């Protein structure tokens, strides 16, 4: 598990942690059955609050990316390639909905958004 936390980011730390770990799960870096570090250990290594790590782990579990076995830890769930693609697409669509609302608030058209996206992609 490779995570980089930015204290200067506008994103909450738990969200940074959630996004990085979920990306690692969905792109196959963290394989099914991989045991995430215990919450206290992760908090200590990342120098963040236990509550912050707990919130990220809970969000990962809510999304079905990990599961907890009492007394043993949190493990990456097992997915077929189709399930991985579906979960990834659902997460991306949710983010894109938020982004689209933001762009619309500036009065941008779809064509303008696409042109801007092409410049940075």
C-alpha atoms as a PDB file:
ATOM      1  CA  UNK A   1       0.000   0.000   0.000  1.00  0.00           C
ATOM      2  CA  UNK A   2       1.537   3.229  -1.198  1.00  0.00           C
ATOM      3  CA  UNK A   3      -0.164   6.424  -0.030  1.00  0.00           C
ATOM      4  CA  UNK A   4       0.871  10.081  -0.170  1.00  0.00           C
ATOM      5  CA  UNK A   5      -1.105  12.461   2.016  1.00  0.00           C
ATOM      6  CA  UNK A   6      -1.101  16.194   1.301  1.00  0.00           C
ATOM      7  CA  UNK A   7      -1.884  18.511   4.177  1.00  0.00           C
ATOM      8  CA  UNK A   8      -2.254  21.394   1.714  1.00  0.00           C
ATOM      9  CA  UNK A   9      -4.881  19.679  -0.467  1.00  0.00           C
ATOM     10  CA  UNK A  10      -8.455  20.942  -0.413  1.00  0.00           C
ATOM     11  CA  UNK A  11      -9.585  17.310  -0.168  1.00  0.00           C
ATOM     12  CA  UNK A  12     -10.067  15.929   3.329  1.00  0.00           C
ATOM     13  CA  UNK A  13      -7.341  13.486   4.348  1.00  0.00           C
ATOM     14  CA  UNK A  14      -9.763  10.563   4.704  1.00  0.00           C
ATOM     15  CA  UNK A  15     -10.889  11.182   1.103  1.00  0.00           C
ATOM     16  CA  UNK A  16      -7.289  11.259  -0.144  1.00  0.00           C
ATOM     17  CA  UNK A  17      -6.680   7.958   1.619  1.00  0.00           C
ATOM     18  CA  UNK A  18      -9.921   6.434   0.302  1.00  0.00           C
ATOM     19  CA  UNK A  19      -9.255   7.545  -3.285  1.00  0.00           C
ATOM     20  CA  UNK A  20      -5.673   6.295  -3.363  1.00  0.00           C
ATOM     21  CA  UNK A  21      -6.446   2.901  -1.852  1.00  0.00           C
ATOM     22  CA  UNK A  22      -9.575   2.388  -3.959  1.00  0.00           C
ATOM     23  CA  UNK A  23      -7.555   3.215  -7.095  1.00  0.00           C
ATOM     24  CA  UNK A  24      -4.882   0.694  -6.053  1.00  0.00           C
ATOM     25  CA  UNK A  25      -7.563  -1.950  -5.512  1.00  0.00           C
ATOM     26  CA  UNK A  26      -9.368  -1.257  -8.777  1.00  0.00           C
ATOM     27  CA  UNK A  27      -6.228  -1.172 -10.915  1.00  0.00           C
ATOM     28  CA  UNK A  28      -4.942  -4.423  -9.374  1.00  0.00           C
ATOM     29  CA  UNK A  29      -2.017  -3.062  -7.350  1.00  0.00           C
ATOM     30  CA  UNK A  30      -3.680  -4.394  -4.197  1.00  0.00           C
ATOM     31  CA  UNK A  31      -4.893  -7.887  -4.962  1.00  0.00           C
ATOM     32  CA  UNK A  32      -7.889  -9.636  -3.471  1.00  0.00           C
ATOM     33  CA  UNK A  33      -7.118 -10.985  -0.045  1.00  0.00           C
ATOM     34  CA  UNK A  34      -4.476  -8.320   0.654  1.00  0.00           C
ATOM     35  CA  UNK A  35      -4.635  -7.362   4.317  1.00  0.00           C
ATOM     36  CA  UNK A  36      -4.678  -3.620   4.922  1.00  0.00           C
ATOM     37  CA  UNK A  37      -2.604  -2.465   7.863  1.00  0.00           C
ATOM     38  CA  UNK A  38      -4.487  -2.115  11.142  1.00  0.00           C
ATOM     39  CA  UNK A  39      -6.051   1.316  11.609  1.00  0.00           C
ATOM     40  CA  UNK A  40      -3.687   2.365  14.403  1.00  0.00           C
ATOM     41  CA  UNK A  41      -0.622   1.243  12.466  1.00  0.00           C
ATOM     42  CA  UNK A  42      -1.730   3.066   9.300  1.00  0.00           C
ATOM     43  CA  UNK A  43      -2.453   6.211  11.312  1.00  0.00           C
ATOM     44  CA  UNK A  44       0.978   6.072  12.927  1.00  0.00           C
ATOM     45  CA  UNK A  45       2.811   5.439   9.637  1.00  0.00           C
ATOM     46  CA  UNK A  46       0.914   8.206   7.822  1.00  0.00           C
ATOM     47  CA  UNK A  47       1.051  10.523  10.839  1.00  0.00           C
ATOM     48  CA  UNK A  48      -2.681  11.124  10.777  1.00  0.00           C
ATOM     49  CA  UNK A  49      -5.573  10.553  13.166  1.00  0.00           C
ATOM     50  CA  UNK A  50      -6.909   7.079  13.893  1.00  0.00           C
ATOM     51  CA  UNK A  51     -10.390   8.520  13.291  1.00  0.00           C
ATOM     52  CA  UNK A  52      -9.334   9.637   9.798  1.00  0.00           C
ATOM     53  CA  UNK A  53      -8.069   6.171   8.864  1.00  0.00           C
ATOM     54  CA  UNK A  54     -11.158   4.556  10.376  1.00  0.00           C
ATOM     55  CA  UNK A  55     -13.382   6.797   8.238  1.00  0.00           C
ATOM     56  CA  UNK A  56     -11.457   5.867   5.061  1.00  0.00           C
ATOM     57  CA  UNK A  57     -11.613   2.136   5.901  1.00  0.00           C
ATOM     58  CA  UNK A  58     -15.364   2.433   6.574  1.00  0.00           C
ATOM     59  CA  UNK A  59     -15.885   4.132   3.201  1.00  0.00           C
ATOM     60  CA  UNK A  60     -13.866   1.393   1.453  1.00  0.00           C
ATOM     61  CA  UNK A  61     -16.035  -1.226   3.141  1.00  0.00           C
ATOM     62  CA  UNK A  62     -19.258   0.645   2.342  1.00  0.00           C
ATOM     63  CA  UNK A  63     -18.246   0.620  -1.340  1.00  0.00           C
ATOM     64  CA  UNK A  64     -17.581  -3.113  -1.154  1.00  0.00           C
ATOM     65  CA  UNK A  65     -13.866  -2.774  -1.847  1.00  0.00           C
ATOM     66  CA  UNK A  66     -12.767  -4.353   1.426  1.00  0.00           C
ATOM     67  CA  UNK A  67     -14.313  -6.564   4.073  1.00  0.00           C
ATOM     68  CA  UNK A  68     -13.515  -6.945   7.749  1.00  0.00           C
ATOM     69  CA  UNK A  69     -12.949 -10.210   9.533  1.00  0.00           C
ATOM     70  CA  UNK A  70     -13.303  -9.617  13.258  1.00  0.00           C
ATOM     71  CA  UNK A  71     -10.034 -10.213  15.053  1.00  0.00           C
ATOM     72  CA  UNK A  72      -8.083 -10.634  11.808  1.00  0.00           C
ATOM     73  CA  UNK A  73      -8.282  -7.348   9.916  1.00  0.00           C
ATOM     74  CA  UNK A  74      -9.522  -5.672   6.753  1.00  0.00           C
ATOM     75  CA  UNK A  75      -8.987  -7.462   3.457  1.00  0.00           C
ATOM     76  CA  UNK A  76      -9.366  -6.475  -0.180  1.00  0.00           C
ATOM     77  CA  UNK A  77     -12.536  -8.031  -1.568  1.00  0.00           C
ATOM     78  CA  UNK A  78     -12.467 -10.468  -4.452  1.00  0.00           C
ATOM     79  CA  UNK A  79     -13.763  -9.187  -7.790  1.00  0.00           C
ATOM     80  CA  UNK A  80     -14.146 -10.474 -11.303  1.00  0.00           C
ATOM     81  CA  UNK A  81     -12.780  -8.152 -13.990  1.00  0.00           C
ATOM     82  CA  UNK A  82     -16.363  -7.188 -14.865  1.00  0.00           C
ATOM     83  CA  UNK A  83     -17.149  -6.279 -11.270  1.00  0.00           C
ATOM     84  CA  UNK A  84     -13.978  -4.220 -11.016  1.00  0.00           C
ATOM     85  CA  UNK A  85     -14.913  -2.310 -14.161  1.00  0.00           C
ATOM     86  CA  UNK A  86     -18.466  -1.734 -12.902  1.00  0.00           C
ATOM     87  CA  UNK A  87     -17.337  -0.442  -9.498  1.00  0.00           C
ATOM     88  CA  UNK A  88     -14.699   1.760 -11.121  1.00  0.00           C
ATOM     89  CA  UNK A  89     -17.241   3.209 -13.560  1.00  0.00           C
ATOM     90  CA  UNK A  90     -19.758   3.874 -10.777  1.00  0.00           C
ATOM     91  CA  UNK A  91     -17.134   5.732  -8.733  1.00  0.00           C
ATOM     92  CA  UNK A  92     -15.997   7.730 -11.767  1.00  0.00           C
ATOM     93  CA  UNK A  93     -19.569   8.644 -12.715  1.00  0.00           C
ATOM     94  CA  UNK A  94     -20.246   9.860  -9.181  1.00  0.00           C
ATOM     95  CA  UNK A  95     -17.182  12.102  -9.330  1.00  0.00           C
ATOM     96  CA  UNK A  96     -18.081  13.300 -12.826  1.00  0.00           C
ATOM     97  CA  UNK A  97     -21.575  14.270 -11.648  1.00  0.00           C
ATOM     98  CA  UNK A  98     -20.008  16.520  -9.023  1.00  0.00           C
ATOM     99  CA  UNK A  99     -17.545  17.920 -11.536  1.00  0.00           C
ATOM    100  CA  UNK A 100     -20.279  18.562 -14.130  1.00  0.00           C
ATOM    101  CA  UNK A 101     -22.305  20.552 -11.609  1.00  0.00           C
ATOM    102  CA  UNK A 102     -19.228  22.648 -10.847  1.00  0.00           C
ATOM    103  CA  UNK A 103     -18.576  23.333 -14.551  1.00  0.00           C
ATOM    104  CA  UNK A 104     -22.233  24.189 -15.151  1.00  0.00           C
ATOM    105  CA  UNK A 105     -22.063  26.737 -12.333  1.00  0.00           C
ATOM    106  CA  UNK A 106     -19.509  28.612 -14.488  1.00  0.00           C
ATOM    107  CA  UNK A 107     -21.821  28.423 -17.481  1.00  0.00           C
ATOM    108  CA  UNK A 108     -19.546  26.118 -19.486  1.00  0.00           C
ATOM    109  CA  UNK A 109     -21.047  24.112 -22.319  1.00  0.00           C
ATOM    110  CA  UNK A 110     -20.284  20.422 -22.819  1.00  0.00           C
ATOM    111  CA  UNK A 111     -18.080  21.285 -25.798  1.00  0.00           C
ATOM    112  CA  UNK A 112     -16.078  23.748 -23.689  1.00  0.00           C
ATOM    113  CA  UNK A 113     -15.607  21.168 -20.934  1.00  0.00           C
ATOM    114  CA  UNK A 114     -14.476  18.554 -23.477  1.00  0.00           C
ATOM    115  CA  UNK A 115     -11.968  20.985 -25.000  1.00  0.00           C
ATOM    116  CA  UNK A 116     -10.547  21.820 -21.561  1.00  0.00           C
ATOM    117  CA  UNK A 117     -10.347  18.140 -20.665  1.00  0.00           C
ATOM    118  CA  UNK A 118      -8.497  17.375 -23.899  1.00  0.00           C
ATOM    119  CA  UNK A 119      -5.890  20.013 -23.000  1.00  0.00           C
ATOM    120  CA  UNK A 120      -5.049  18.383 -19.683  1.00  0.00           C
ATOM    121  CA  UNK A 121      -5.498  14.720 -20.604  1.00  0.00           C
END
